[in-house]
Every structure is written in C-alpha cells, then in structure tokens.
Amino acid sequence: MDELLGTAAVIAALTELTGQPPDTTKHDGVLTIQADPSRVQPEDWPRLVAVLETATSYGLSTIAAGTDVVWLRIELGDTPRP
C-alpha cells in the first residue's frame, strides 16, 4: 500500500466518521493521528475500528475532563530508530 494514499485515506475516513479533521503530528518517522470519537454513530464504530486497525498501533484514551480520544500511529517508511 502506498503510504501517502494510506494516510490520506485514514485522515479522510476519520474526518467523515467524526465530522471534523483529526489532529496530526509527525515526529521521527511516525505519524500520530488523534480524533474525537464522541460524534461517531454507534453503527459506525465497526468502521472506526477497521480504520484504526490499519495503523502500526492504536487505542482509545481518556484525556482531561473525561474527554475520549482515539489515536493511531503509522510508521512512515524506513526511518532509522535510535
């Protein structure tokens, strides 16, 4: 799979599912994407999980004031690790 198409598709799917673009950061060859799942319809959770499962790692965390966030990390290419 082409990484750029893959990450673009993930971002587009999360935007569609949550109603807003996710937050993205890139650091040391890893793209981290975070989104607020509060507006994901119950029937769309299987699709959300399928999107998350395309990543290197993913999860659901509770942050400040009980707000949930889904996150995923995608390793970009063959970046040397320390």
N, C-alpha and C. Protein backbone atom coordinates (compact mmCIF):
# COMPACT_ATOMS: atom_id res chain seq x y z
N MET A 1 0.85 -1.19 0.00
CA MET A 1 0.00 0.00 0.00
C MET A 1 0.88 1.24 0.00
N ASP A 2 0.53 2.22 -0.81
CA ASP A 2 1.24 3.49 -0.86
C ASP A 2 0.98 4.24 0.45
N GLU A 3 2.05 4.62 1.16
CA GLU A 3 1.88 5.28 2.46
C GLU A 3 1.07 6.55 2.37
N LEU A 4 1.33 7.39 1.35
CA LEU A 4 0.60 8.64 1.25
C LEU A 4 -0.88 8.41 1.01
N LEU A 5 -1.21 7.47 0.13
CA LEU A 5 -2.61 7.16 -0.08
C LEU A 5 -3.22 6.56 1.18
N GLY A 6 -2.46 5.72 1.87
CA GLY A 6 -2.95 5.10 3.09
C GLY A 6 -3.25 6.12 4.16
N THR A 7 -2.33 7.03 4.42
CA THR A 7 -2.55 8.03 5.46
C THR A 7 -3.64 9.01 5.06
N ALA A 8 -3.69 9.38 3.79
CA ALA A 8 -4.74 10.28 3.32
C ALA A 8 -6.11 9.63 3.48
N ALA A 9 -6.20 8.34 3.19
CA ALA A 9 -7.46 7.62 3.33
C ALA A 9 -7.88 7.53 4.80
N VAL A 10 -6.92 7.31 5.69
CA VAL A 10 -7.22 7.25 7.12
C VAL A 10 -7.74 8.60 7.60
N ILE A 11 -7.07 9.67 7.22
CA ILE A 11 -7.49 11.01 7.63
C ILE A 11 -8.88 11.33 7.08
N ALA A 12 -9.12 10.98 5.82
CA ALA A 12 -10.44 11.22 5.22
C ALA A 12 -11.53 10.42 5.92
N ALA A 13 -11.24 9.16 6.24
CA ALA A 13 -12.24 8.33 6.92
C ALA A 13 -12.54 8.87 8.31
N LEU A 14 -11.51 9.27 9.04
CA LEU A 14 -11.75 9.82 10.38
C LEU A 14 -12.51 11.14 10.32
N THR A 15 -12.22 11.95 9.32
CA THR A 15 -12.95 13.20 9.14
C THR A 15 -14.42 12.92 8.88
N GLU A 16 -14.69 11.96 8.02
CA GLU A 16 -16.07 11.59 7.72
C GLU A 16 -16.79 11.03 8.95
N LEU A 17 -16.12 10.15 9.67
CA LEU A 17 -16.74 9.50 10.82
C LEU A 17 -16.97 10.44 12.00
N THR A 18 -16.05 11.39 12.22
CA THR A 18 -16.16 12.26 13.40
C THR A 18 -16.72 13.64 13.09
N GLY A 19 -16.80 13.99 11.81
CA GLY A 19 -17.34 15.29 11.43
C GLY A 19 -16.34 16.42 11.51
N GLN A 20 -15.07 16.11 11.78
CA GLN A 20 -14.03 17.14 11.81
C GLN A 20 -12.68 16.51 11.52
N PRO A 21 -11.77 17.28 10.94
CA PRO A 21 -10.45 16.72 10.63
C PRO A 21 -9.73 16.33 11.92
N PRO A 22 -9.02 15.21 11.92
CA PRO A 22 -8.26 14.81 13.11
C PRO A 22 -7.00 15.65 13.25
N ASP A 23 -6.45 15.65 14.45
CA ASP A 23 -5.16 16.29 14.70
C ASP A 23 -4.06 15.34 14.25
N THR A 24 -3.07 15.85 13.56
CA THR A 24 -1.97 15.01 13.11
C THR A 24 -0.64 15.65 13.51
N THR A 25 0.32 14.80 13.87
CA THR A 25 1.68 15.25 14.13
C THR A 25 2.63 14.21 13.55
N LYS A 26 3.75 14.69 13.05
CA LYS A 26 4.77 13.79 12.51
C LYS A 26 6.07 14.06 13.27
N HIS A 27 6.67 12.97 13.77
CA HIS A 27 7.90 13.10 14.53
C HIS A 27 8.71 11.81 14.40
N ASP A 28 9.96 11.95 14.01
CA ASP A 28 10.87 10.80 13.90
C ASP A 28 10.30 9.66 13.05
N GLY A 29 9.69 10.01 11.93
CA GLY A 29 9.20 8.99 11.02
C GLY A 29 7.90 8.31 11.44
N VAL A 30 7.20 8.90 12.41
CA VAL A 30 5.94 8.33 12.86
C VAL A 30 4.87 9.42 12.77
N LEU A 31 3.77 9.08 12.12
CA LEU A 31 2.62 9.97 12.04
C LEU A 31 1.64 9.56 13.13
N THR A 32 1.28 10.51 13.99
CA THR A 32 0.29 10.27 15.04
C THR A 32 -0.97 11.05 14.68
N ILE A 33 -2.10 10.36 14.74
CA ILE A 33 -3.38 10.95 14.40
C ILE A 33 -4.30 10.78 15.60
N GLN A 34 -5.00 11.86 15.99
CA GLN A 34 -5.93 11.82 17.10
C GLN A 34 -7.26 12.41 16.66
N ALA A 35 -8.36 11.78 17.11
CA ALA A 35 -9.68 12.27 16.76
C ALA A 35 -10.64 12.09 17.93
N ASP A 36 -11.63 12.94 17.97
CA ASP A 36 -12.67 12.87 18.99
C ASP A 36 -13.77 11.93 18.50
N PRO A 37 -13.98 10.81 19.17
CA PRO A 37 -14.98 9.85 18.71
C PRO A 37 -16.40 10.11 19.20
N SER A 38 -16.62 11.23 19.90
CA SER A 38 -17.93 11.44 20.53
C SER A 38 -19.09 11.55 19.55
N ARG A 39 -18.81 11.93 18.30
CA ARG A 39 -19.90 12.06 17.32
C ARG A 39 -20.00 10.86 16.38
N VAL A 40 -19.21 9.84 16.62
CA VAL A 40 -19.30 8.63 15.79
C VAL A 40 -20.58 7.90 16.18
N GLN A 41 -21.41 7.63 15.19
CA GLN A 41 -22.67 6.94 15.43
C GLN A 41 -22.39 5.49 15.85
N PRO A 42 -23.21 4.93 16.72
CA PRO A 42 -22.98 3.56 17.18
C PRO A 42 -22.81 2.55 16.04
N GLU A 43 -23.59 2.69 14.99
CA GLU A 43 -23.49 1.75 13.87
C GLU A 43 -22.20 1.92 13.07
N ASP A 44 -21.49 3.06 13.27
CA ASP A 44 -20.24 3.31 12.55
C ASP A 44 -19.00 2.90 13.33
N TRP A 45 -19.15 2.42 14.58
CA TRP A 45 -17.98 2.00 15.36
C TRP A 45 -17.21 0.86 14.72
N PRO A 46 -17.86 -0.12 14.10
CA PRO A 46 -17.06 -1.15 13.42
C PRO A 46 -16.16 -0.56 12.32
N ARG A 47 -16.66 0.43 11.61
CA ARG A 47 -15.86 1.08 10.58
C ARG A 47 -14.70 1.86 11.21
N LEU A 48 -14.97 2.54 12.34
CA LEU A 48 -13.91 3.25 13.04
C LEU A 48 -12.82 2.29 13.48
N VAL A 49 -13.20 1.16 14.04
CA VAL A 49 -12.22 0.17 14.47
C VAL A 49 -11.42 -0.35 13.27
N ALA A 50 -12.08 -0.55 12.14
CA ALA A 50 -11.38 -1.01 10.93
C ALA A 50 -10.34 0.02 10.48
N VAL A 51 -10.67 1.30 10.59
CA VAL A 51 -9.70 2.35 10.24
C VAL A 51 -8.52 2.30 11.21
N LEU A 52 -8.80 2.20 12.50
CA LEU A 52 -7.74 2.15 13.50
C LEU A 52 -6.82 0.96 13.27
N GLU A 53 -7.38 -0.17 12.87
CA GLU A 53 -6.59 -1.39 12.69
C GLU A 53 -5.62 -1.32 11.51
N THR A 54 -5.70 -0.28 10.68
CA THR A 54 -4.76 -0.12 9.58
C THR A 54 -3.42 0.44 10.07
N ALA A 55 -3.37 0.90 11.31
CA ALA A 55 -2.20 1.57 11.85
C ALA A 55 -1.21 0.58 12.48
N THR A 56 -0.01 1.09 12.75
CA THR A 56 1.01 0.33 13.45
C THR A 56 0.56 0.04 14.88
N SER A 57 -0.03 1.05 15.53
CA SER A 57 -0.62 0.89 16.87
C SER A 57 -1.78 1.88 16.98
N TYR A 58 -2.70 1.59 17.89
CA TYR A 58 -3.87 2.45 18.04
C TYR A 58 -4.48 2.24 19.42
N GLY A 59 -5.39 3.13 19.80
CA GLY A 59 -6.05 2.97 21.09
C GLY A 59 -7.12 4.03 21.30
N LEU A 60 -7.74 3.94 22.47
CA LEU A 60 -8.74 4.90 22.93
C LEU A 60 -8.29 5.34 24.30
N SER A 61 -8.14 6.64 24.50
CA SER A 61 -7.68 7.17 25.78
C SER A 61 -8.66 8.22 26.27
N THR A 62 -8.72 8.37 27.58
CA THR A 62 -9.50 9.45 28.19
C THR A 62 -8.51 10.53 28.62
N ILE A 63 -8.79 11.75 28.16
CA ILE A 63 -7.90 12.87 28.48
C ILE A 63 -8.64 13.80 29.44
N ALA A 64 -8.19 15.00 29.57
CA ALA A 64 -8.72 15.98 30.51
C ALA A 64 -10.25 16.02 30.52
N ALA A 65 -10.80 16.12 31.69
CA ALA A 65 -12.23 16.29 31.92
C ALA A 65 -13.07 15.16 31.33
N GLY A 66 -12.50 13.97 31.25
CA GLY A 66 -13.26 12.81 30.80
C GLY A 66 -13.53 12.75 29.32
N THR A 67 -12.81 13.53 28.52
CA THR A 67 -12.99 13.52 27.07
C THR A 67 -12.22 12.34 26.48
N ASP A 68 -12.87 11.59 25.60
CA ASP A 68 -12.21 10.46 24.94
C ASP A 68 -11.54 10.92 23.65
N VAL A 69 -10.47 10.22 23.30
CA VAL A 69 -9.78 10.46 22.03
C VAL A 69 -9.32 9.10 21.49
N VAL A 70 -9.54 8.89 20.19
CA VAL A 70 -8.96 7.73 19.54
C VAL A 70 -7.66 8.19 18.92
N TRP A 71 -6.67 7.33 18.95
CA TRP A 71 -5.36 7.69 18.39
C TRP A 71 -4.80 6.50 17.63
N LEU A 72 -3.99 6.84 16.66
CA LEU A 72 -3.28 5.81 15.93
C LEU A 72 -1.93 6.34 15.50
N ARG A 73 -0.99 5.41 15.36
CA ARG A 73 0.36 5.76 14.92
C ARG A 73 0.70 4.93 13.69
N ILE A 74 1.26 5.62 12.71
CA ILE A 74 1.65 4.96 11.46
C ILE A 74 3.12 5.23 11.24
N GLU A 75 3.90 4.20 11.13
CA GLU A 75 5.32 4.35 10.83
C GLU A 75 5.47 4.67 9.36
N LEU A 76 6.23 5.71 9.07
CA LEU A 76 6.40 6.19 7.70
C LEU A 76 7.75 5.75 7.16
N GLY A 77 7.77 4.79 6.29
CA GLY A 77 8.99 4.37 5.61
C GLY A 77 10.00 3.71 6.52
N ASP A 78 11.22 3.70 6.06
CA ASP A 78 12.32 3.03 6.76
C ASP A 78 13.18 4.05 7.49
N THR A 79 12.60 4.70 8.48
CA THR A 79 13.35 5.68 9.26
C THR A 79 14.18 4.96 10.31
N PRO A 80 15.48 5.23 10.36
CA PRO A 80 16.31 4.58 11.38
C PRO A 80 15.83 4.93 12.78
N ARG A 81 15.81 3.96 13.67
CA ARG A 81 15.43 4.16 15.06
C ARG A 81 16.68 4.18 15.92
N PRO A 82 16.72 5.05 16.94
CA PRO A 82 17.89 5.08 17.83
C PRO A 82 17.98 3.82 18.67
